[in-house]
Every structure is written in C-alpha cells, then in structure tokens.
Full PDB file with SEQRES, HELIX, SHEET, SSBOND, CRYST1, ORIGX, SCALE, CONECT and MASTER records, all heavy atoms in Angstrom:
SEQRES   1 A   40  ILE SER LEU ASP GLU LEU LEU GLY ILE SER VAL GLY GLN          
SEQRES   2 A   40  ALA GLU PRO VAL ALA GLY GLU PRO ALA GLU ARG PRO VAL          
SEQRES   3 A   40  PRO ARG VAL PRO SER GLY VAL VAL GLN ARG ALA ALA ASP          
SEQRES   4 A   40  ASN                                                          
HELIX    1 AA1 LEU A    3  LEU A    6  1                                   4    
HELIX    2 AA2 ALA A   37  ASP A   39  5                                   3    
SHEET    1 AA1 2 GLY A  12  GLN A  13  0                                        
SHEET    2 AA1 2 ARG A  28  VAL A  29 -1                                        
CRYST1    1.000    1.000    1.000  90.00  90.00  90.00 P 1           1          
ORIGX1      1.000000  0.000000  0.000000        0.00000                         
ORIGX2      0.000000  1.000000  0.000000        0.00000                         
ORIGX3      0.000000  0.000000  1.000000        0.00000                         
SCALE1      1.000000  0.000000  0.000000        0.00000                         
SCALE2      0.000000  1.000000  0.000000        0.00000                         
SCALE3      0.000000  0.000000  1.000000        0.00000                         
ATOM      1  N   ILE A   1     -21.611 -14.005 -40.784  1.00  0.00           N  
ATOM      2  CA  ILE A   1     -21.259 -15.227 -41.276  1.00  0.00           C  
ATOM      3  C   ILE A   1     -20.979 -16.305 -40.168  1.00  0.00           C  
ATOM      4  O   ILE A   1     -20.833 -15.934 -39.003  1.00  0.00           O  
ATOM      5  CB  ILE A   1     -19.956 -15.183 -42.135  1.00  0.00           C  
ATOM      6  CG1 ILE A   1     -18.764 -14.690 -41.287  1.00  0.00           C  
ATOM      7  CG2 ILE A   1     -20.243 -14.396 -43.345  1.00  0.00           C  
ATOM      8  CD1 ILE A   1     -17.442 -14.611 -42.016  1.00  0.00           C  
ATOM      9  N   SER A   2     -21.091 -17.516 -40.506  1.00  0.00           N  
ATOM     10  CA  SER A   2     -20.896 -18.643 -39.425  1.00  0.00           C  
ATOM     11  C   SER A   2     -19.535 -19.128 -39.508  1.00  0.00           C  
ATOM     12  O   SER A   2     -18.719 -18.820 -40.433  1.00  0.00           O  
ATOM     13  CB  SER A   2     -21.865 -19.794 -39.742  1.00  0.00           C  
ATOM     14  OG  SER A   2     -21.570 -20.442 -40.972  1.00  0.00           O  
ATOM     15  N   LEU A   3     -19.141 -19.996 -38.574  1.00  0.00           N  
ATOM     16  CA  LEU A   3     -17.788 -20.609 -38.575  1.00  0.00           C  
ATOM     17  C   LEU A   3     -17.692 -21.531 -39.846  1.00  0.00           C  
ATOM     18  O   LEU A   3     -16.490 -21.587 -40.444  1.00  0.00           O  
ATOM     19  CB  LEU A   3     -17.499 -21.369 -37.369  1.00  0.00           C  
ATOM     20  CG  LEU A   3     -17.297 -20.546 -36.001  1.00  0.00           C  
ATOM     21  CD1 LEU A   3     -17.073 -21.464 -34.863  1.00  0.00           C  
ATOM     22  CD2 LEU A   3     -16.213 -19.509 -36.265  1.00  0.00           C  
ATOM     23  N   ASP A   4     -18.839 -22.262 -40.176  1.00  0.00           N  
ATOM     24  CA  ASP A   4     -18.732 -23.060 -41.388  1.00  0.00           C  
ATOM     25  C   ASP A   4     -18.315 -22.132 -42.653  1.00  0.00           C  
ATOM     26  O   ASP A   4     -17.492 -22.542 -43.480  1.00  0.00           O  
ATOM     27  CB  ASP A   4     -20.008 -23.717 -41.573  1.00  0.00           C  
ATOM     28  CG  ASP A   4     -20.214 -24.895 -40.662  1.00  0.00           C  
ATOM     29  OD1 ASP A   4     -19.305 -25.150 -39.976  1.00  0.00           O  
ATOM     30  OD2 ASP A   4     -21.294 -25.499 -40.683  1.00  0.00           O  
ATOM     31  N   GLU A   5     -18.989 -21.016 -42.731  1.00  0.00           N  
ATOM     32  CA  GLU A   5     -18.743 -20.173 -43.900  1.00  0.00           C  
ATOM     33  C   GLU A   5     -17.323 -19.673 -43.784  1.00  0.00           C  
ATOM     34  O   GLU A   5     -16.573 -19.517 -44.847  1.00  0.00           O  
ATOM     35  CB  GLU A   5     -19.710 -18.997 -43.917  1.00  0.00           C  
ATOM     36  CG  GLU A   5     -21.114 -19.428 -44.247  1.00  0.00           C  
ATOM     37  CD  GLU A   5     -22.203 -18.265 -44.055  1.00  0.00           C  
ATOM     38  OE1 GLU A   5     -22.233 -17.833 -42.909  1.00  0.00           O  
ATOM     39  OE2 GLU A   5     -22.665 -17.898 -45.101  1.00  0.00           O  
ATOM     40  N   LEU A   6     -16.817 -19.240 -42.638  1.00  0.00           N  
ATOM     41  CA  LEU A   6     -15.452 -18.755 -42.458  1.00  0.00           C  
ATOM     42  C   LEU A   6     -14.450 -19.786 -42.844  1.00  0.00           C  
ATOM     43  O   LEU A   6     -13.429 -19.484 -43.460  1.00  0.00           O  
ATOM     44  CB  LEU A   6     -15.272 -18.446 -40.924  1.00  0.00           C  
ATOM     45  CG  LEU A   6     -13.910 -17.792 -40.709  1.00  0.00           C  
ATOM     46  CD1 LEU A   6     -13.705 -16.432 -41.329  1.00  0.00           C  
ATOM     47  CD2 LEU A   6     -13.797 -17.688 -39.158  1.00  0.00           C  
ATOM     48  N   LEU A   7     -14.760 -21.037 -42.563  1.00  0.00           N  
ATOM     49  CA  LEU A   7     -13.760 -22.155 -42.952  1.00  0.00           C  
ATOM     50  C   LEU A   7     -14.155 -22.702 -44.311  1.00  0.00           C  
ATOM     51  O   LEU A   7     -13.319 -23.553 -44.700  1.00  0.00           O  
ATOM     52  CB  LEU A   7     -13.830 -23.225 -41.849  1.00  0.00           C  
ATOM     53  CG  LEU A   7     -13.454 -22.833 -40.475  1.00  0.00           C  
ATOM     54  CD1 LEU A   7     -13.885 -23.957 -39.491  1.00  0.00           C  
ATOM     55  CD2 LEU A   7     -12.053 -22.611 -40.440  1.00  0.00           C  
ATOM     56  N   GLY A   8     -14.988 -22.211 -45.032  1.00  0.00           N  
ATOM     57  CA  GLY A   8     -15.373 -22.673 -46.342  1.00  0.00           C  
ATOM     58  C   GLY A   8     -15.976 -24.081 -46.407  1.00  0.00           C  
ATOM     59  O   GLY A   8     -15.751 -24.765 -47.282  1.00  0.00           O  
ATOM     60  N   ILE A   9     -16.645 -24.428 -45.213  1.00  0.00           N  
ATOM     61  CA  ILE A   9     -17.215 -25.735 -45.140  1.00  0.00           C  
ATOM     62  C   ILE A   9     -18.714 -25.694 -45.556  1.00  0.00           C  
ATOM     63  O   ILE A   9     -19.412 -24.899 -45.074  1.00  0.00           O  
ATOM     64  CB  ILE A   9     -17.104 -26.275 -43.712  1.00  0.00           C  
ATOM     65  CG1 ILE A   9     -15.591 -26.342 -43.254  1.00  0.00           C  
ATOM     66  CG2 ILE A   9     -17.823 -27.604 -43.461  1.00  0.00           C  
ATOM     67  CD1 ILE A   9     -15.461 -26.623 -41.785  1.00  0.00           C  
ATOM     68  N   SER A  10     -19.018 -26.741 -46.345  1.00  0.00           N  
ATOM     69  CA  SER A  10     -20.416 -26.976 -46.576  1.00  0.00           C  
ATOM     70  C   SER A  10     -20.749 -28.507 -46.225  1.00  0.00           C  
ATOM     71  O   SER A  10     -19.804 -29.165 -45.987  1.00  0.00           O  
ATOM     72  CB  SER A  10     -20.748 -26.783 -48.147  1.00  0.00           C  
ATOM     73  OG  SER A  10     -19.888 -27.688 -48.905  1.00  0.00           O  
ATOM     74  N   VAL A  11     -22.022 -28.809 -46.187  1.00  0.00           N  
ATOM     75  CA  VAL A  11     -22.267 -30.145 -45.838  1.00  0.00           C  
ATOM     76  C   VAL A  11     -21.662 -31.120 -46.839  1.00  0.00           C  
ATOM     77  O   VAL A  11     -21.901 -31.091 -48.097  1.00  0.00           O  
ATOM     78  CB  VAL A  11     -23.854 -30.388 -45.679  1.00  0.00           C  
ATOM     79  CG1 VAL A  11     -24.086 -31.919 -45.507  1.00  0.00           C  
ATOM     80  CG2 VAL A  11     -24.434 -29.414 -44.678  1.00  0.00           C  
ATOM     81  N   GLY A  12     -20.788 -32.032 -46.339  1.00  0.00           N  
ATOM     82  CA  GLY A  12     -20.156 -32.976 -47.276  1.00  0.00           C  
ATOM     83  C   GLY A  12     -18.753 -32.498 -47.466  1.00  0.00           C  
ATOM     84  O   GLY A  12     -17.838 -32.823 -46.688  1.00  0.00           O  
ATOM     85  N   GLN A  13     -18.486 -31.694 -48.527  1.00  0.00           N  
ATOM     86  CA  GLN A  13     -17.144 -31.276 -48.850  1.00  0.00           C  
ATOM     87  C   GLN A  13     -16.971 -29.769 -48.880  1.00  0.00           C  
ATOM     88  O   GLN A  13     -17.894 -29.057 -49.381  1.00  0.00           O  
ATOM     89  CB  GLN A  13     -16.731 -31.798 -50.264  1.00  0.00           C  
ATOM     90  CG  GLN A  13     -15.358 -31.461 -50.812  1.00  0.00           C  
ATOM     91  CD  GLN A  13     -14.328 -32.428 -50.337  1.00  0.00           C  
ATOM     92  OE1 GLN A  13     -14.619 -33.497 -49.947  1.00  0.00           O  
ATOM     93  NE2 GLN A  13     -13.036 -31.926 -50.371  1.00  0.00           N  
ATOM     94  N   ALA A  14     -15.794 -29.261 -48.310  1.00  0.00           N  
ATOM     95  CA  ALA A  14     -15.635 -27.927 -48.239  1.00  0.00           C  
ATOM     96  C   ALA A  14     -15.205 -27.443 -49.631  1.00  0.00           C  
ATOM     97  O   ALA A  14     -14.490 -28.087 -50.397  1.00  0.00           O  
ATOM     98  CB  ALA A  14     -14.534 -27.558 -47.181  1.00  0.00           C  
ATOM     99  N   GLU A  15     -15.544 -26.156 -49.956  1.00  0.00           N  
ATOM    100  CA  GLU A  15     -15.191 -25.561 -51.111  1.00  0.00           C  
ATOM    101  C   GLU A  15     -13.864 -24.722 -50.914  1.00  0.00           C  
ATOM    102  O   GLU A  15     -13.737 -24.051 -49.864  1.00  0.00           O  
ATOM    103  CB  GLU A  15     -16.237 -24.540 -51.612  1.00  0.00           C  
ATOM    104  CG  GLU A  15     -17.453 -25.170 -52.076  1.00  0.00           C  
ATOM    105  CD  GLU A  15     -17.324 -26.041 -53.371  1.00  0.00           C  
ATOM    106  OE1 GLU A  15     -16.421 -25.776 -54.074  1.00  0.00           O  
ATOM    107  OE2 GLU A  15     -17.990 -27.126 -53.422  1.00  0.00           O  
ATOM    108  N   PRO A  16     -12.889 -24.801 -51.679  1.00  0.00           N  
ATOM    109  CA  PRO A  16     -11.567 -24.052 -51.513  1.00  0.00           C  
ATOM    110  C   PRO A  16     -11.878 -22.589 -51.525  1.00  0.00           C  
ATOM    111  O   PRO A  16     -12.684 -22.103 -52.344  1.00  0.00           O  
ATOM    112  CB  PRO A  16     -10.695 -24.503 -52.601  1.00  0.00           C  
ATOM    113  CG  PRO A  16     -11.656 -24.992 -53.691  1.00  0.00           C  
ATOM    114  CD  PRO A  16     -12.849 -25.581 -52.947  1.00  0.00           C  
ATOM    115  N   VAL A  17     -11.070 -21.885 -50.811  1.00  0.00           N  
ATOM    116  CA  VAL A  17     -11.151 -20.371 -50.842  1.00  0.00           C  
ATOM    117  C   VAL A  17     -10.492 -19.868 -52.186  1.00  0.00           C  
ATOM    118  O   VAL A  17      -9.622 -20.423 -52.592  1.00  0.00           O  
ATOM    119  CB  VAL A  17     -10.391 -19.730 -49.650  1.00  0.00           C  
ATOM    120  CG1 VAL A  17     -10.301 -18.208 -49.798  1.00  0.00           C  
ATOM    121  CG2 VAL A  17     -11.083 -20.100 -48.388  1.00  0.00           C  
ATOM    122  N   ALA A  18     -11.154 -18.830 -52.783  1.00  0.00           N  
ATOM    123  CA  ALA A  18     -10.570 -18.330 -54.005  1.00  0.00           C  
ATOM    124  C   ALA A  18      -9.123 -18.026 -53.891  1.00  0.00           C  
ATOM    125  O   ALA A  18      -8.686 -17.342 -52.987  1.00  0.00           O  
ATOM    126  CB  ALA A  18     -11.355 -17.241 -54.456  1.00  0.00           C  
ATOM    127  N   GLY A  19      -8.329 -18.492 -54.855  1.00  0.00           N  
ATOM    128  CA  GLY A  19      -6.866 -18.188 -54.885  1.00  0.00           C  
ATOM    129  C   GLY A  19      -6.022 -19.193 -54.330  1.00  0.00           C  
ATOM    130  O   GLY A  19      -4.803 -19.204 -54.554  1.00  0.00           O  
ATOM    131  N   GLU A  20      -6.640 -20.241 -53.650  1.00  0.00           N  
ATOM    132  CA  GLU A  20      -5.832 -21.295 -53.046  1.00  0.00           C  
ATOM    133  C   GLU A  20      -5.664 -22.378 -54.132  1.00  0.00           C  
ATOM    134  O   GLU A  20      -6.444 -22.469 -55.048  1.00  0.00           O  
ATOM    135  CB  GLU A  20      -6.525 -21.929 -51.858  1.00  0.00           C  
ATOM    136  CG  GLU A  20      -6.540 -21.052 -50.608  1.00  0.00           C  
ATOM    137  CD  GLU A  20      -6.905 -21.825 -49.379  1.00  0.00           C  
ATOM    138  OE1 GLU A  20      -7.481 -22.978 -49.549  1.00  0.00           O  
ATOM    139  OE2 GLU A  20      -6.597 -21.387 -48.372  1.00  0.00           O  
ATOM    140  N   PRO A  21      -4.501 -23.082 -54.123  1.00  0.00           N  
ATOM    141  CA  PRO A  21      -4.269 -24.165 -55.084  1.00  0.00           C  
ATOM    142  C   PRO A  21      -5.372 -25.268 -55.120  1.00  0.00           C  
ATOM    143  O   PRO A  21      -5.752 -25.692 -54.014  1.00  0.00           O  
ATOM    144  CB  PRO A  21      -2.921 -24.748 -54.666  1.00  0.00           C  
ATOM    145  CG  PRO A  21      -2.286 -23.638 -53.760  1.00  0.00           C  
ATOM    146  CD  PRO A  21      -3.388 -22.926 -53.174  1.00  0.00           C  
ATOM    147  N   ALA A  22      -5.783 -25.609 -56.243  1.00  0.00           N  
ATOM    148  CA  ALA A  22      -6.953 -26.499 -56.292  1.00  0.00           C  
ATOM    149  C   ALA A  22      -6.545 -27.935 -55.667  1.00  0.00           C  
ATOM    150  O   ALA A  22      -7.354 -28.612 -55.197  1.00  0.00           O  
ATOM    151  CB  ALA A  22      -7.400 -26.751 -57.737  1.00  0.00           C  
ATOM    152  N   GLU A  23      -5.263 -28.179 -55.813  1.00  0.00           N  
ATOM    153  CA  GLU A  23      -4.795 -29.509 -55.313  1.00  0.00           C  
ATOM    154  C   GLU A  23      -4.779 -29.658 -53.745  1.00  0.00           C  
ATOM    155  O   GLU A  23      -4.578 -30.744 -53.199  1.00  0.00           O  
ATOM    156  CB  GLU A  23      -3.543 -29.961 -55.837  1.00  0.00           C  
ATOM    157  CG  GLU A  23      -2.292 -29.063 -55.418  1.00  0.00           C  
ATOM    158  CD  GLU A  23      -2.129 -27.844 -56.285  1.00  0.00           C  
ATOM    159  OE1 GLU A  23      -3.076 -27.573 -57.112  1.00  0.00           O  
ATOM    160  OE2 GLU A  23      -1.058 -27.195 -56.225  1.00  0.00           O  
ATOM    161  N   ARG A  24      -4.843 -28.475 -53.006  1.00  0.00           N  
ATOM    162  CA  ARG A  24      -4.678 -28.541 -51.626  1.00  0.00           C  
ATOM    163  C   ARG A  24      -5.829 -29.296 -50.981  1.00  0.00           C  
ATOM    164  O   ARG A  24      -7.061 -28.979 -51.296  1.00  0.00           O  
ATOM    165  CB  ARG A  24      -4.677 -27.131 -51.057  1.00  0.00           C  
ATOM    166  CG  ARG A  24      -4.742 -27.071 -49.535  1.00  0.00           C  
ATOM    167  CD  ARG A  24      -4.505 -25.745 -48.955  1.00  0.00           C  
ATOM    168  NE  ARG A  24      -4.687 -25.782 -47.522  1.00  0.00           N  
ATOM    169  CZ  ARG A  24      -4.434 -24.761 -46.786  1.00  0.00           C  
ATOM    170  NH1 ARG A  24      -3.992 -23.580 -47.190  1.00  0.00           N  
ATOM    171  NH2 ARG A  24      -4.453 -24.820 -45.397  1.00  0.00           N  
ATOM    172  N   PRO A  25      -5.690 -30.206 -50.087  1.00  0.00           N  
ATOM    173  CA  PRO A  25      -6.758 -30.956 -49.477  1.00  0.00           C  
ATOM    174  C   PRO A  25      -7.613 -30.029 -48.511  1.00  0.00           C  
ATOM    175  O   PRO A  25      -7.039 -29.131 -48.029  1.00  0.00           O  
ATOM    176  CB  PRO A  25      -6.043 -32.052 -48.585  1.00  0.00           C  
ATOM    177  CG  PRO A  25      -4.710 -31.471 -48.407  1.00  0.00           C  
ATOM    178  CD  PRO A  25      -4.352 -30.709 -49.587  1.00  0.00           C  
ATOM    179  N   VAL A  26      -8.880 -30.289 -48.610  1.00  0.00           N  
ATOM    180  CA  VAL A  26      -9.773 -29.453 -47.661  1.00  0.00           C  
ATOM    181  C   VAL A  26     -10.486 -30.455 -46.846  1.00  0.00           C  
ATOM    182  O   VAL A  26     -10.700 -31.595 -47.142  1.00  0.00           O  
ATOM    183  CB  VAL A  26     -10.777 -28.639 -48.532  1.00  0.00           C  
ATOM    184  CG1 VAL A  26      -9.957 -27.530 -49.276  1.00  0.00           C  
ATOM    185  CG2 VAL A  26     -11.539 -29.517 -49.512  1.00  0.00           C  
ATOM    186  N   PRO A  27     -10.885 -30.030 -45.622  1.00  0.00           N  
ATOM    187  CA  PRO A  27     -11.489 -30.935 -44.660  1.00  0.00           C  
ATOM    188  C   PRO A  27     -12.882 -31.349 -45.077  1.00  0.00           C  
ATOM    189  O   PRO A  27     -13.582 -30.564 -45.706  1.00  0.00           O  
ATOM    190  CB  PRO A  27     -11.596 -30.122 -43.346  1.00  0.00           C  
ATOM    191  CG  PRO A  27     -11.564 -28.619 -43.803  1.00  0.00           C  
ATOM    192  CD  PRO A  27     -10.717 -28.640 -45.075  1.00  0.00           C  
ATOM    193  N   ARG A  28     -13.272 -32.577 -44.632  1.00  0.00           N  
ATOM    194  CA  ARG A  28     -14.680 -33.011 -44.976  1.00  0.00           C  
ATOM    195  C   ARG A  28     -15.416 -32.979 -43.662  1.00  0.00           C  
ATOM    196  O   ARG A  28     -14.935 -33.410 -42.625  1.00  0.00           O  
ATOM    197  CB  ARG A  28     -14.510 -34.444 -45.419  1.00  0.00           C  
ATOM    198  CG  ARG A  28     -13.859 -34.655 -46.778  1.00  0.00           C  
ATOM    199  CD  ARG A  28     -14.073 -36.132 -47.325  1.00  0.00           C  
ATOM    200  NE  ARG A  28     -15.424 -36.522 -47.384  1.00  0.00           N  
ATOM    201  CZ  ARG A  28     -16.120 -36.329 -48.547  1.00  0.00           C  
ATOM    202  NH1 ARG A  28     -15.696 -35.637 -49.520  1.00  0.00           N  
ATOM    203  NH2 ARG A  28     -17.358 -36.755 -48.613  1.00  0.00           N  
ATOM    204  N   VAL A  29     -16.574 -32.531 -43.745  1.00  0.00           N  
ATOM    205  CA  VAL A  29     -17.535 -32.575 -42.615  1.00  0.00           C  
ATOM    206  C   VAL A  29     -18.683 -33.350 -42.967  1.00  0.00           C  
ATOM    207  O   VAL A  29     -19.610 -32.991 -43.721  1.00  0.00           O  
ATOM    208  CB  VAL A  29     -17.953 -31.076 -42.194  1.00  0.00           C  
ATOM    209  CG1 VAL A  29     -18.917 -31.044 -41.063  1.00  0.00           C  
ATOM    210  CG2 VAL A  29     -16.819 -30.200 -41.869  1.00  0.00           C  
ATOM    211  N   PRO A  30     -18.739 -34.603 -42.591  1.00  0.00           N  
ATOM    212  CA  PRO A  30     -19.732 -35.536 -42.991  1.00  0.00           C  
ATOM    213  C   PRO A  30     -21.109 -35.109 -42.569  1.00  0.00           C  
ATOM    214  O   PRO A  30     -21.391 -34.417 -41.626  1.00  0.00           O  
ATOM    215  CB  PRO A  30     -19.447 -36.901 -42.278  1.00  0.00           C  
ATOM    216  CG  PRO A  30     -18.030 -36.795 -41.934  1.00  0.00           C  
ATOM    217  CD  PRO A  30     -17.809 -35.262 -41.650  1.00  0.00           C  
ATOM    218  N   SER A  31     -22.193 -35.452 -43.373  1.00  0.00           N  
ATOM    219  CA  SER A  31     -23.552 -35.106 -43.047  1.00  0.00           C  
ATOM    220  C   SER A  31     -24.130 -36.099 -42.108  1.00  0.00           C  
ATOM    221  O   SER A  31     -25.313 -35.861 -41.671  1.00  0.00           O  
ATOM    222  CB  SER A  31     -24.345 -35.013 -44.351  1.00  0.00           C  
ATOM    223  OG  SER A  31     -24.290 -36.238 -44.991  1.00  0.00           O  
ATOM    224  N   GLY A  32     -23.450 -37.172 -41.766  1.00  0.00           N  
ATOM    225  CA  GLY A  32     -23.986 -38.173 -40.888  1.00  0.00           C  
ATOM    226  C   GLY A  32     -23.831 -37.732 -39.398  1.00  0.00           C  
ATOM    227  O   GLY A  32     -23.513 -36.703 -39.056  1.00  0.00           O  
ATOM    228  N   VAL A  33     -23.858 -38.806 -38.557  1.00  0.00           N  
ATOM    229  CA  VAL A  33     -23.898 -38.600 -37.117  1.00  0.00           C  
ATOM    230  C   VAL A  33     -22.452 -38.334 -36.610  1.00  0.00           C  
ATOM    231  O   VAL A  33     -22.284 -37.451 -35.699  1.00  0.00           O  
ATOM    232  CB  VAL A  33     -24.436 -39.823 -36.439  1.00  0.00           C  
ATOM    233  CG1 VAL A  33     -24.221 -39.765 -34.880  1.00  0.00           C  
ATOM    234  CG2 VAL A  33     -25.918 -40.070 -36.783  1.00  0.00           C  
ATOM    235  N   VAL A  34     -21.399 -38.994 -37.090  1.00  0.00           N  
ATOM    236  CA  VAL A  34     -20.025 -39.002 -36.573  1.00  0.00           C  
ATOM    237  C   VAL A  34     -19.149 -38.086 -37.359  1.00  0.00           C  
ATOM    238  O   VAL A  34     -19.155 -38.130 -38.568  1.00  0.00           O  
ATOM    239  CB  VAL A  34     -19.464 -40.309 -36.557  1.00  0.00           C  
ATOM    240  CG1 VAL A  34     -18.076 -40.363 -35.972  1.00  0.00           C  
ATOM    241  CG2 VAL A  34     -20.309 -41.289 -35.638  1.00  0.00           C  
ATOM    242  N   GLN A  35     -18.483 -37.169 -36.678  1.00  0.00           N  
ATOM    243  CA  GLN A  35     -17.365 -36.401 -37.269  1.00  0.00           C  
ATOM    244  C   GLN A  35     -16.069 -36.896 -36.712  1.00  0.00           C  
ATOM    245  O   GLN A  35     -15.873 -36.728 -35.430  1.00  0.00           O  
ATOM    246  CB  GLN A  35     -17.635 -34.856 -37.068  1.00  0.00           C  
ATOM    247  CG  GLN A  35     -16.397 -34.100 -37.464  1.00  0.00           C  
ATOM    248  CD  GLN A  35     -16.742 -32.559 -37.364  1.00  0.00           C  
ATOM    249  OE1 GLN A  35     -17.700 -32.037 -37.814  1.00  0.00           O  
ATOM    250  NE2 GLN A  35     -15.782 -31.808 -36.618  1.00  0.00           N  
ATOM    251  N   ARG A  36     -15.137 -37.320 -37.504  1.00  0.00           N  
ATOM    252  CA  ARG A  36     -13.971 -37.953 -36.919  1.00  0.00           C  
ATOM    253  C   ARG A  36     -13.035 -36.791 -36.457  1.00  0.00           C  
ATOM    254  O   ARG A  36     -13.007 -35.683 -37.052  1.00  0.00           O  
ATOM    255  CB  ARG A  36     -13.195 -38.676 -38.080  1.00  0.00           C  
ATOM    256  CG  ARG A  36     -13.972 -39.919 -38.620  1.00  0.00           C  
ATOM    257  CD  ARG A  36     -14.296 -40.865 -37.517  1.00  0.00           C  
ATOM    258  NE  ARG A  36     -15.233 -41.978 -38.075  1.00  0.00           N  
ATOM    259  CZ  ARG A  36     -15.709 -42.935 -37.240  1.00  0.00           C  
ATOM    260  NH1 ARG A  36     -15.476 -42.887 -35.924  1.00  0.00           N  
ATOM    261  NH2 ARG A  36     -16.458 -43.889 -37.836  1.00  0.00           N  
ATOM    262  N   ALA A  37     -12.140 -37.148 -35.408  1.00  0.00           N  
ATOM    263  CA  ALA A  37     -11.301 -36.154 -34.915  1.00  0.00           C  
ATOM    264  C   ALA A  37     -10.350 -35.493 -35.918  1.00  0.00           C  
ATOM    265  O   ALA A  37     -10.083 -34.281 -35.817  1.00  0.00           O  
ATOM    266  CB  ALA A  37     -10.495 -36.688 -33.723  1.00  0.00           C  
ATOM    267  N   ALA A  38      -9.929 -36.335 -36.852  1.00  0.00           N  
ATOM    268  CA  ALA A  38      -8.998 -35.930 -37.886  1.00  0.00           C  
ATOM    269  C   ALA A  38      -9.646 -34.865 -38.758  1.00  0.00           C  
ATOM    270  O   ALA A  38      -8.960 -34.230 -39.473  1.00  0.00           O  
ATOM    271  CB  ALA A  38      -8.440 -37.087 -38.711  1.00  0.00           C  
ATOM    272  N   ASP A  39     -10.942 -34.871 -38.787  1.00  0.00           N  
ATOM    273  CA  ASP A  39     -11.709 -33.977 -39.749  1.00  0.00           C  
ATOM    274  C   ASP A  39     -12.056 -32.593 -39.064  1.00  0.00           C  
ATOM    275  O   ASP A  39     -12.793 -31.732 -39.572  1.00  0.00           O  
ATOM    276  CB  ASP A  39     -12.993 -34.590 -40.266  1.00  0.00           C  
ATOM    277  CG  ASP A  39     -12.639 -35.764 -41.189  1.00  0.00           C  
ATOM    278  OD1 ASP A  39     -11.564 -35.627 -41.837  1.00  0.00           O  
ATOM    279  OD2 ASP A  39     -13.380 -36.687 -41.265  1.00  0.00           O  
ATOM    280  N   ASN A  40     -11.738 -32.566 -37.684  1.00  0.00           N  
ATOM    281  CA  ASN A  40     -12.127 -31.288 -37.076  1.00  0.00           C  
ATOM    282  C   ASN A  40     -11.428 -30.137 -37.611  1.00  0.00           C  
ATOM    283  O   ASN A  40     -10.221 -30.035 -37.613  1.00  0.00           O  
ATOM    284  CB  ASN A  40     -11.805 -31.314 -35.541  1.00  0.00           C  
ATOM    285  CG  ASN A  40     -12.603 -32.283 -34.803  1.00  0.00           C  
ATOM    286  OD1 ASN A  40     -13.714 -32.805 -35.313  1.00  0.00           O  
ATOM    287  ND2 ASN A  40     -12.234 -32.660 -33.582  1.00  0.00           N  
TER     288      ASN A  40                                                      
MASTER        0    0    0    2    2    0    0    6  287    1    0    4          
END                                                                             
C-alpha cells in the first residue's frame, strides 16, 4: 500500500476509515498544483 492509501487519501477528498465518526474532518489533497501547508 502507499502512504495515500494508509492515510485514506484519494485525489480530491479523503475517505474516512471505517468505524470513524462521519462528522470528523478529513484532509483534502487537491488535484491541482498547490497543496497548502495546513492540508499536509
């Protein structure tokens, strides 16, 4: 598996890991050029 898969990250919006509360915020990894520091 990759780090993206480990972190539950897909292009655009990450999918929550099974069993976690749905309302918990998950990081966004934009498909564009820039990834903001707050999204690392």
